[in-house]
Amino acid sequence: FVVGAAALKLPVVANTATVKAIVAVKAIETTIDMGFSYVIFEGDARVIMKGLISKEDDFSEIVPILDKAKSLLQQFDKCHINYTRQEGNKAAHE
């Protein structure tokens, strides 16, 4: 189930991957602010979800944003990152 929702005003960015990476950071920050320690993050942006769990070096432009997200994820006692197909992520698209 969805615990929270937010609306963000973002700067103009070059591509959707950058937007989704920024949104992932904001979601993690919001979850930390809400005081959760055991969390599951699900998303339908495969490159973002994979980037959050990958330990491989990547040289894409979203790496600094994903590195910030990974650093924030370390604040949770337990955290799962799950990729879900867009059809399975209806809450995010309604």
PDB file of N, CA and C in Angstrom:
ATOM      1  N   PHE A   1       0.822  -1.174   0.000  1.00  0.00           N
ATOM      2  CA  PHE A   1       0.000   0.000   0.000  1.00  0.00           C
ATOM      3  C   PHE A   1       0.866   1.237   0.000  1.00  0.00           C
ATOM      4  N   VAL A   2       0.293   2.338  -0.408  1.00  0.00           N
ATOM      5  CA  VAL A   2       1.026   3.597  -0.486  1.00  0.00           C
ATOM      6  C   VAL A   2       0.843   4.338   0.827  1.00  0.00           C
ATOM      7  N   VAL A   3       1.950   4.745   1.445  1.00  0.00           N
ATOM      8  CA  VAL A   3       1.897   5.441   2.728  1.00  0.00           C
ATOM      9  C   VAL A   3       1.872   6.948   2.546  1.00  0.00           C
ATOM     10  N   GLY A   4       2.492   7.437   1.506  1.00  0.00           N
ATOM     11  CA  GLY A   4       2.562   8.882   1.321  1.00  0.00           C
ATOM     12  C   GLY A   4       2.574   9.255  -0.142  1.00  0.00           C
ATOM     13  N   ALA A   5       2.317  10.518  -0.386  1.00  0.00           N
ATOM     14  CA  ALA A   5       2.368  11.053  -1.741  1.00  0.00           C
ATOM     15  C   ALA A   5       2.853  12.488  -1.651  1.00  0.00           C
ATOM     16  N   ALA A   6       3.401  12.982  -2.732  1.00  0.00           N
ATOM     17  CA  ALA A   6       3.912  14.348  -2.730  1.00  0.00           C
ATOM     18  C   ALA A   6       3.854  14.927  -4.131  1.00  0.00           C
ATOM     19  N   ALA A   7       3.870  16.240  -4.192  1.00  0.00           N
ATOM     20  CA  ALA A   7       3.989  16.950  -5.462  1.00  0.00           C
ATOM     21  C   ALA A   7       5.275  17.759  -5.393  1.00  0.00           C
ATOM     22  N   LEU A   8       6.047  17.699  -6.452  1.00  0.00           N
ATOM     23  CA  LEU A   8       7.336  18.383  -6.475  1.00  0.00           C
ATOM     24  C   LEU A   8       7.418  19.339  -7.647  1.00  0.00           C
ATOM     25  N   LYS A   9       8.089  20.450  -7.425  1.00  0.00           N
ATOM     26  CA  LYS A   9       8.417  21.358  -8.522  1.00  0.00           C
ATOM     27  C   LYS A   9       9.892  21.153  -8.803  1.00  0.00           C
ATOM     28  N   LEU A  10      10.197  20.618  -9.978  1.00  0.00           N
ATOM     29  CA  LEU A  10      11.571  20.275 -10.336  1.00  0.00           C
ATOM     30  C   LEU A  10      12.107  21.234 -11.390  1.00  0.00           C
ATOM     31  N   PRO A  11      13.419  21.415 -11.388  1.00  0.00           N
ATOM     32  CA  PRO A  11      14.017  22.219 -12.456  1.00  0.00           C
ATOM     33  C   PRO A  11      13.892  21.488 -13.790  1.00  0.00           C
ATOM     34  N   VAL A  12      14.041  22.204 -14.864  1.00  0.00           N
ATOM     35  CA  VAL A  12      14.014  21.583 -16.185  1.00  0.00           C
ATOM     36  C   VAL A  12      15.216  20.650 -16.292  1.00  0.00           C
ATOM     37  N   VAL A  13      14.951  19.407 -16.685  1.00  0.00           N
ATOM     38  CA  VAL A  13      16.025  18.421 -16.812  1.00  0.00           C
ATOM     39  C   VAL A  13      16.004  17.821 -18.212  1.00  0.00           C
ATOM     40  N   ALA A  14      17.100  17.176 -18.559  1.00  0.00           N
ATOM     41  CA  ALA A  14      17.285  16.685 -19.923  1.00  0.00           C
ATOM     42  C   ALA A  14      16.480  15.441 -20.263  1.00  0.00           C
ATOM     43  N   ASN A  15      16.215  14.583 -19.276  1.00  0.00           N
ATOM     44  CA  ASN A  15      15.559  13.322 -19.617  1.00  0.00           C
ATOM     45  C   ASN A  15      14.761  12.764 -18.446  1.00  0.00           C
ATOM     46  N   THR A  16      13.927  11.781 -18.753  1.00  0.00           N
ATOM     47  CA  THR A  16      13.061  11.211 -17.724  1.00  0.00           C
ATOM     48  C   THR A  16      13.835  10.429 -16.676  1.00  0.00           C
ATOM     49  N   ALA A  17      14.959   9.828 -17.039  1.00  0.00           N
ATOM     50  CA  ALA A  17      15.750   9.083 -16.049  1.00  0.00           C
ATOM     51  C   ALA A  17      16.227  10.012 -14.941  1.00  0.00           C
ATOM     52  N   THR A  18      16.634  11.216 -15.301  1.00  0.00           N
ATOM     53  CA  THR A  18      17.073  12.181 -14.296  1.00  0.00           C
ATOM     54  C   THR A  18      15.918  12.570 -13.389  1.00  0.00           C
ATOM     55  N   VAL A  19      14.758  12.820 -13.971  1.00  0.00           N
ATOM     56  CA  VAL A  19      13.576  13.160 -13.171  1.00  0.00           C
ATOM     57  C   VAL A  19      13.245  12.027 -12.212  1.00  0.00           C
ATOM     58  N   LYS A  20      13.234  10.806 -12.705  1.00  0.00           N
ATOM     59  CA  LYS A  20      12.883   9.668 -11.853  1.00  0.00           C
ATOM     60  C   LYS A  20      13.919   9.445 -10.759  1.00  0.00           C
ATOM     61  N   ALA A  21      15.183   9.711 -11.041  1.00  0.00           N
ATOM     62  CA  ALA A  21      16.219   9.589 -10.014  1.00  0.00           C
ATOM     63  C   ALA A  21      16.025  10.646  -8.930  1.00  0.00           C
ATOM     64  N   ILE A  22      15.703  11.878  -9.329  1.00  0.00           N
ATOM     65  CA  ILE A  22      15.443  12.945  -8.356  1.00  0.00           C
ATOM     66  C   ILE A  22      14.234  12.595  -7.504  1.00  0.00           C
ATOM     67  N   VAL A  23      13.196  12.077  -8.129  1.00  0.00           N
ATOM     68  CA  VAL A  23      11.989  11.677  -7.394  1.00  0.00           C
ATOM     69  C   VAL A  23      12.308  10.551  -6.411  1.00  0.00           C
ATOM     70  N   ALA A  24      13.163   9.627  -6.795  1.00  0.00           N
ATOM     71  CA  ALA A  24      13.560   8.549  -5.879  1.00  0.00           C
ATOM     72  C   ALA A  24      14.245   9.117  -4.643  1.00  0.00           C
ATOM     73  N   VAL A  25      15.146  10.075  -4.831  1.00  0.00           N
ATOM     74  CA  VAL A  25      15.819  10.710  -3.687  1.00  0.00           C
ATOM     75  C   VAL A  25      14.792  11.387  -2.785  1.00  0.00           C
ATOM     76  N   LYS A  26      13.859  12.122  -3.375  1.00  0.00           N
ATOM     77  CA  LYS A  26      12.832  12.811  -2.577  1.00  0.00           C
ATOM     78  C   LYS A  26      11.961  11.815  -1.822  1.00  0.00           C
ATOM     79  N   ALA A  27      11.634  10.690  -2.448  1.00  0.00           N
ATOM     80  CA  ALA A  27      10.833   9.663  -1.773  1.00  0.00           C
ATOM     81  C   ALA A  27      11.590   9.078  -0.586  1.00  0.00           C
ATOM     82  N   ILE A  28      12.868   8.831  -0.766  1.00  0.00           N
ATOM     83  CA  ILE A  28      13.688   8.289   0.324  1.00  0.00           C
ATOM     84  C   ILE A  28      13.791   9.306   1.450  1.00  0.00           C
ATOM     85  N   GLU A  29      14.042  10.576   1.105  1.00  0.00           N
ATOM     86  CA  GLU A  29      14.135  11.623   2.130  1.00  0.00           C
ATOM     87  C   GLU A  29      12.831  11.753   2.907  1.00  0.00           C
ATOM     88  N   THR A  30      11.705  11.698   2.201  1.00  0.00           N
ATOM     89  CA  THR A  30      10.401  11.793   2.856  1.00  0.00           C
ATOM     90  C   THR A  30      10.175  10.620   3.798  1.00  0.00           C
ATOM     91  N   THR A  31      10.558   9.434   3.374  1.00  0.00           N
ATOM     92  CA  THR A  31      10.405   8.239   4.207  1.00  0.00           C
ATOM     93  C   THR A  31      11.266   8.341   5.460  1.00  0.00           C
ATOM     94  N   ILE A  32      12.465   8.862   5.323  1.00  0.00           N
ATOM     95  CA  ILE A  32      13.331   9.083   6.490  1.00  0.00           C
ATOM     96  C   ILE A  32      12.672  10.086   7.428  1.00  0.00           C
ATOM     97  N   ASP A  33      12.159  11.188   6.869  1.00  0.00           N
ATOM     98  CA  ASP A  33      11.499  12.217   7.681  1.00  0.00           C
ATOM     99  C   ASP A  33      10.281  11.672   8.415  1.00  0.00           C
ATOM    100  N   MET A  34       9.619  10.677   7.831  1.00  0.00           N
ATOM    101  CA  MET A  34       8.441  10.079   8.462  1.00  0.00           C
ATOM    102  C   MET A  34       8.824   9.109   9.572  1.00  0.00           C
ATOM    103  N   GLY A  35      10.102   8.786   9.683  1.00  0.00           N
ATOM    104  CA  GLY A  35      10.575   7.957  10.781  1.00  0.00           C
ATOM    105  C   GLY A  35      10.540   6.460  10.555  1.00  0.00           C
ATOM    106  N   PHE A  36      10.370   6.028   9.324  1.00  0.00           N
ATOM    107  CA  PHE A  36      10.342   4.592   9.058  1.00  0.00           C
ATOM    108  C   PHE A  36      11.748   4.003   9.098  1.00  0.00           C
ATOM    109  N   SER A  37      11.857   2.763   9.571  1.00  0.00           N
ATOM    110  CA  SER A  37      13.165   2.106   9.599  1.00  0.00           C
ATOM    111  C   SER A  37      13.176   0.804   8.792  1.00  0.00           C
ATOM    112  N   TYR A  38      12.016   0.236   8.514  1.00  0.00           N
ATOM    113  CA  TYR A  38      11.885  -0.963   7.687  1.00  0.00           C
ATOM    114  C   TYR A  38      11.024  -0.580   6.488  1.00  0.00           C
ATOM    115  N   VAL A  39      11.616  -0.570   5.305  1.00  0.00           N
ATOM    116  CA  VAL A  39      10.900  -0.039   4.145  1.00  0.00           C
ATOM    117  C   VAL A  39      11.060  -0.915   2.906  1.00  0.00           C
ATOM    118  N   ILE A  40      10.094  -0.785   2.018  1.00  0.00           N
ATOM    119  CA  ILE A  40      10.154  -1.399   0.697  1.00  0.00           C
ATOM    120  C   ILE A  40       9.856  -0.290  -0.302  1.00  0.00           C
ATOM    121  N   PHE A  41      10.784  -0.071  -1.215  1.00  0.00           N
ATOM    122  CA  PHE A  41      10.565   0.882  -2.293  1.00  0.00           C
ATOM    123  C   PHE A  41      10.312   0.093  -3.565  1.00  0.00           C
ATOM    124  N   GLU A  42       9.217   0.429  -4.243  1.00  0.00           N
ATOM    125  CA  GLU A  42       8.897  -0.206  -5.510  1.00  0.00           C
ATOM    126  C   GLU A  42       8.792   0.868  -6.573  1.00  0.00           C
ATOM    127  N   GLY A  43       9.237   0.536  -7.755  1.00  0.00           N
ATOM    128  CA  GLY A  43       9.132   1.482  -8.848  1.00  0.00           C
ATOM    129  C   GLY A  43       9.146   0.785 -10.185  1.00  0.00           C
ATOM    130  N   ASP A  44       8.622   1.483 -11.198  1.00  0.00           N
ATOM    131  CA  ASP A  44       8.553   0.886 -12.528  1.00  0.00           C
ATOM    132  C   ASP A  44       9.623   1.434 -13.472  1.00  0.00           C
ATOM    133  N   ALA A  45      10.571   2.180 -12.936  1.00  0.00           N
ATOM    134  CA  ALA A  45      11.699   2.665 -13.737  1.00  0.00           C
ATOM    135  C   ALA A  45      12.870   1.713 -13.507  1.00  0.00           C
ATOM    136  N   ARG A  46      13.002   0.769 -14.414  1.00  0.00           N
ATOM    137  CA  ARG A  46      13.994  -0.302 -14.245  1.00  0.00           C
ATOM    138  C   ARG A  46      15.402   0.242 -14.023  1.00  0.00           C
ATOM    139  N   VAL A  47      15.813   1.248 -14.801  1.00  0.00           N
ATOM    140  CA  VAL A  47      17.177   1.770 -14.679  1.00  0.00           C
ATOM    141  C   VAL A  47      17.413   2.382 -13.296  1.00  0.00           C
ATOM    142  N   ILE A  48      16.395   2.986 -12.719  1.00  0.00           N
ATOM    143  CA  ILE A  48      16.530   3.593 -11.390  1.00  0.00           C
ATOM    144  C   ILE A  48      16.577   2.511 -10.324  1.00  0.00           C
ATOM    145  N   MET A  49      15.643   1.586 -10.362  1.00  0.00           N
ATOM    146  CA  MET A  49      15.593   0.541  -9.341  1.00  0.00           C
ATOM    147  C   MET A  49      16.857  -0.315  -9.398  1.00  0.00           C
ATOM    148  N   LYS A  50      17.309  -0.640 -10.604  1.00  0.00           N
ATOM    149  CA  LYS A  50      18.550  -1.409 -10.755  1.00  0.00           C
ATOM    150  C   LYS A  50      19.737  -0.593 -10.249  1.00  0.00           C
ATOM    151  N   GLY A  51      19.748   0.691 -10.557  1.00  0.00           N
ATOM    152  CA  GLY A  51      20.830   1.559 -10.112  1.00  0.00           C
ATOM    153  C   GLY A  51      20.919   1.678  -8.603  1.00  0.00           C
ATOM    154  N   LEU A  52      19.772   1.588  -7.921  1.00  0.00           N
ATOM    155  CA  LEU A  52      19.766   1.693  -6.462  1.00  0.00           C
ATOM    156  C   LEU A  52      20.380   0.474  -5.784  1.00  0.00           C
ATOM    157  N   ILE A  53      20.341  -0.673  -6.452  1.00  0.00           N
ATOM    158  CA  ILE A  53      20.891  -1.885  -5.828  1.00  0.00           C
ATOM    159  C   ILE A  53      22.234  -2.306  -6.414  1.00  0.00           C
ATOM    160  N   SER A  54      22.601  -1.719  -7.541  1.00  0.00           N
ATOM    161  CA  SER A  54      23.837  -2.117  -8.218  1.00  0.00           C
ATOM    162  C   SER A  54      25.079  -1.585  -7.507  1.00  0.00           C
ATOM    163  N   LYS A  55      26.102  -2.412  -7.484  1.00  0.00           N
ATOM    164  CA  LYS A  55      27.391  -1.996  -6.951  1.00  0.00           C
ATOM    165  C   LYS A  55      28.399  -1.771  -8.080  1.00  0.00           C
ATOM    166  N   GLU A  56      27.944  -1.962  -9.316  1.00  0.00           N
ATOM    167  CA  GLU A  56      28.810  -1.784 -10.481  1.00  0.00           C
ATOM    168  C   GLU A  56      29.001  -0.302 -10.778  1.00  0.00           C
ATOM    169  N   ASP A  57      30.154   0.021 -11.348  1.00  0.00           N
ATOM    170  CA  ASP A  57      30.405   1.389 -11.777  1.00  0.00           C
ATOM    171  C   ASP A  57      29.575   1.692 -13.013  1.00  0.00           C
ATOM    172  N   ASP A  58      29.010   2.858 -13.017  1.00  0.00           N
ATOM    173  CA  ASP A  58      28.201   3.321 -14.131  1.00  0.00           C
ATOM    174  C   ASP A  58      28.606   4.774 -14.378  1.00  0.00           C
ATOM    175  N   PHE A  59      28.634   5.169 -15.601  1.00  0.00           N
ATOM    176  CA  PHE A  59      29.087   6.521 -15.908  1.00  0.00           C
ATOM    177  C   PHE A  59      27.974   7.380 -16.504  1.00  0.00           C
ATOM    178  N   SER A  60      26.730   7.007 -16.256  1.00  0.00           N
ATOM    179  CA  SER A  60      25.623   7.806 -16.775  1.00  0.00           C
ATOM    180  C   SER A  60      25.477   9.082 -15.945  1.00  0.00           C
ATOM    181  N   GLU A  61      24.699  10.017 -16.478  1.00  0.00           N
ATOM    182  CA  GLU A  61      24.546  11.306 -15.808  1.00  0.00           C
ATOM    183  C   GLU A  61      23.755  11.229 -14.505  1.00  0.00           C
ATOM    184  N   ILE A  62      23.053  10.132 -14.276  1.00  0.00           N
ATOM    185  CA  ILE A  62      22.267  10.032 -13.041  1.00  0.00           C
ATOM    186  C   ILE A  62      23.047   9.424 -11.881  1.00  0.00           C
ATOM    187  N   VAL A  63      24.281   9.018 -12.118  1.00  0.00           N
ATOM    188  CA  VAL A  63      25.082   8.381 -11.066  1.00  0.00           C
ATOM    189  C   VAL A  63      25.184   9.233  -9.800  1.00  0.00           C
ATOM    190  N   PRO A  64      25.474  10.535  -9.894  1.00  0.00           N
ATOM    191  CA  PRO A  64      25.560  11.318  -8.652  1.00  0.00           C
ATOM    192  C   PRO A  64      24.247  11.334  -7.866  1.00  0.00           C
ATOM    193  N   ILE A  65      23.134  11.340  -8.583  1.00  0.00           N
ATOM    194  CA  ILE A  65      21.828  11.329  -7.916  1.00  0.00           C
ATOM    195  C   ILE A  65      21.597   9.973  -7.263  1.00  0.00           C
ATOM    196  N   LEU A  66      21.903   8.894  -7.976  1.00  0.00           N
ATOM    197  CA  LEU A  66      21.740   7.552  -7.410  1.00  0.00           C
ATOM    198  C   LEU A  66      22.692   7.326  -6.238  1.00  0.00           C
ATOM    199  N   ASP A  67      23.892   7.887  -6.304  1.00  0.00           N
ATOM    200  CA  ASP A  67      24.823   7.767  -5.178  1.00  0.00           C
ATOM    201  C   ASP A  67      24.254   8.429  -3.931  1.00  0.00           C
ATOM    202  N   LYS A  68      23.606   9.583  -4.110  1.00  0.00           N
ATOM    203  CA  LYS A  68      22.959  10.244  -2.972  1.00  0.00           C
ATOM    204  C   LYS A  68      21.849   9.357  -2.420  1.00  0.00           C
ATOM    205  N   ALA A  69      21.055   8.776  -3.311  1.00  0.00           N
ATOM    206  CA  ALA A  69      19.967   7.892  -2.886  1.00  0.00           C
ATOM    207  C   ALA A  69      20.509   6.693  -2.121  1.00  0.00           C
ATOM    208  N   LYS A  70      21.574   6.080  -2.635  1.00  0.00           N
ATOM    209  CA  LYS A  70      22.174   4.919  -1.962  1.00  0.00           C
ATOM    210  C   LYS A  70      22.689   5.290  -0.582  1.00  0.00           C
ATOM    211  N   SER A  71      23.267   6.464  -0.466  1.00  0.00           N
ATOM    212  CA  SER A  71      23.753   6.931   0.831  1.00  0.00           C
ATOM    213  C   SER A  71      22.593   7.091   1.812  1.00  0.00           C
ATOM    214  N   LEU A  72      21.491   7.643   1.345  1.00  0.00           N
ATOM    215  CA  LEU A  72      20.307   7.810   2.195  1.00  0.00           C
ATOM    216  C   LEU A  72      19.720   6.462   2.606  1.00  0.00           C
ATOM    217  N   LEU A  73      19.743   5.494   1.703  1.00  0.00           N
ATOM    218  CA  LEU A  73      19.180   4.172   2.002  1.00  0.00           C
ATOM    219  C   LEU A  73      19.889   3.495   3.168  1.00  0.00           C
ATOM    220  N   GLN A  74      21.127   3.851   3.405  1.00  0.00           N
ATOM    221  CA  GLN A  74      21.886   3.253   4.508  1.00  0.00           C
ATOM    222  C   GLN A  74      21.337   3.651   5.876  1.00  0.00           C
ATOM    223  N   GLN A  75      20.459   4.643   5.919  1.00  0.00           N
ATOM    224  CA  GLN A  75      19.884   5.084   7.189  1.00  0.00           C
ATOM    225  C   GLN A  75      18.776   4.159   7.688  1.00  0.00           C
ATOM    226  N   PHE A  76      18.287   3.270   6.829  1.00  0.00           N
ATOM    227  CA  PHE A  76      17.222   2.358   7.227  1.00  0.00           C
ATOM    228  C   PHE A  76      17.803   1.098   7.854  1.00  0.00           C
ATOM    229  N   ASP A  77      17.083   0.547   8.829  1.00  0.00           N
ATOM    230  CA  ASP A  77      17.502  -0.724   9.418  1.00  0.00           C
ATOM    231  C   ASP A  77      17.372  -1.855   8.403  1.00  0.00           C
ATOM    232  N   LYS A  78      16.313  -1.808   7.615  1.00  0.00           N
ATOM    233  CA  LYS A  78      16.087  -2.823   6.586  1.00  0.00           C
ATOM    234  C   LYS A  78      15.391  -2.150   5.412  1.00  0.00           C
ATOM    235  N   CYS A  79      15.896  -2.427   4.224  1.00  0.00           N
ATOM    236  CA  CYS A  79      15.357  -1.775   3.035  1.00  0.00           C
ATOM    237  C   CYS A  79      15.381  -2.748   1.861  1.00  0.00           C
ATOM    238  N   HIS A  80      14.263  -2.843   1.167  1.00  0.00           N
ATOM    239  CA  HIS A  80      14.173  -3.654  -0.050  1.00  0.00           C
ATOM    240  C   HIS A  80      13.848  -2.733  -1.218  1.00  0.00           C
ATOM    241  N   ILE A  81      14.472  -2.997  -2.335  1.00  0.00           N
ATOM    242  CA  ILE A  81      14.221  -2.256  -3.566  1.00  0.00           C
ATOM    243  C   ILE A  81      13.642  -3.244  -4.569  1.00  0.00           C
ATOM    244  N   ASN A  82      12.444  -2.978  -5.056  1.00  0.00           N
ATOM    245  CA  ASN A  82      11.780  -3.886  -5.986  1.00  0.00           C
ATOM    246  C   ASN A  82      11.385  -3.165  -7.267  1.00  0.00           C
ATOM    247  N   TYR A  83      11.690  -3.803  -8.380  1.00  0.00           N
ATOM    248  CA  TYR A  83      11.199  -3.314  -9.668  1.00  0.00           C
ATOM    249  C   TYR A  83       9.847  -3.956  -9.917  1.00  0.00           C
ATOM    250  N   THR A  84       8.889  -3.163 -10.354  1.00  0.00           N
ATOM    251  CA  THR A  84       7.586  -3.693 -10.727  1.00  0.00           C
ATOM    252  C   THR A  84       7.212  -3.127 -12.092  1.00  0.00           C
ATOM    253  N   ARG A  85       6.591  -3.937 -12.905  1.00  0.00           N
ATOM    254  CA  ARG A  85       6.165  -3.450 -14.219  1.00  0.00           C
ATOM    255  C   ARG A  85       5.119  -2.357 -14.027  1.00  0.00           C
ATOM    256  N   GLN A  86       4.998  -1.501 -15.004  1.00  0.00           N
ATOM    257  CA  GLN A  86       4.065  -0.383 -14.901  1.00  0.00           C
ATOM    258  C   GLN A  86       2.638  -0.860 -14.630  1.00  0.00           C
ATOM    259  N   GLU A  87       2.249  -1.999 -15.192  1.00  0.00           N
ATOM    260  CA  GLU A  87       0.900  -2.525 -14.953  1.00  0.00           C
ATOM    261  C   GLU A  87       0.695  -2.856 -13.476  1.00  0.00           C
ATOM    262  N   GLY A  88       1.762  -3.247 -12.790  1.00  0.00           N
ATOM    263  CA  GLY A  88       1.670  -3.594 -11.372  1.00  0.00           C
ATOM    264  C   GLY A  88       1.851  -2.411 -10.451  1.00  0.00           C
ATOM    265  N   ASN A  89       2.070  -1.231 -11.013  1.00  0.00           N
ATOM    266  CA  ASN A  89       2.319  -0.039 -10.216  1.00  0.00           C
ATOM    267  C   ASN A  89       1.221   0.991 -10.470  1.00  0.00           C
ATOM    268  N   LYS A  90      -0.023   0.549 -10.442  1.00  0.00           N
ATOM    269  CA  LYS A  90      -1.155   1.406 -10.776  1.00  0.00           C
ATOM    270  C   LYS A  90      -1.283   2.598  -9.840  1.00  0.00           C
ATOM    271  N   ALA A  91      -0.902   2.437  -8.574  1.00  0.00           N
ATOM    272  CA  ALA A  91      -1.031   3.536  -7.615  1.00  0.00           C
ATOM    273  C   ALA A  91      -0.242   4.760  -8.060  1.00  0.00           C
ATOM    274  N   ALA A  92       0.872   4.554  -8.712  1.00  0.00           N
ATOM    275  CA  ALA A  92       1.708   5.675  -9.151  1.00  0.00           C
ATOM    276  C   ALA A  92       1.174   6.346 -10.408  1.00  0.00           C
ATOM    277  N   HIS A  93       0.268   5.686 -11.106  1.00  0.00           N
ATOM    278  CA  HIS A  93      -0.184   6.214 -12.389  1.00  0.00           C
ATOM    279  C   HIS A  93      -1.659   6.575 -12.401  1.00  0.00           C
ATOM    280  N   GLU A  94      -2.299   6.577 -11.248  1.00  0.00           N
ATOM    281  CA  GLU A  94      -3.726   6.947 -11.186  1.00  0.00           C
ATOM    282  C   GLU A  94      -3.890   8.334 -10.637  1.00  0.00           C
TER     283      GLU A  94
END
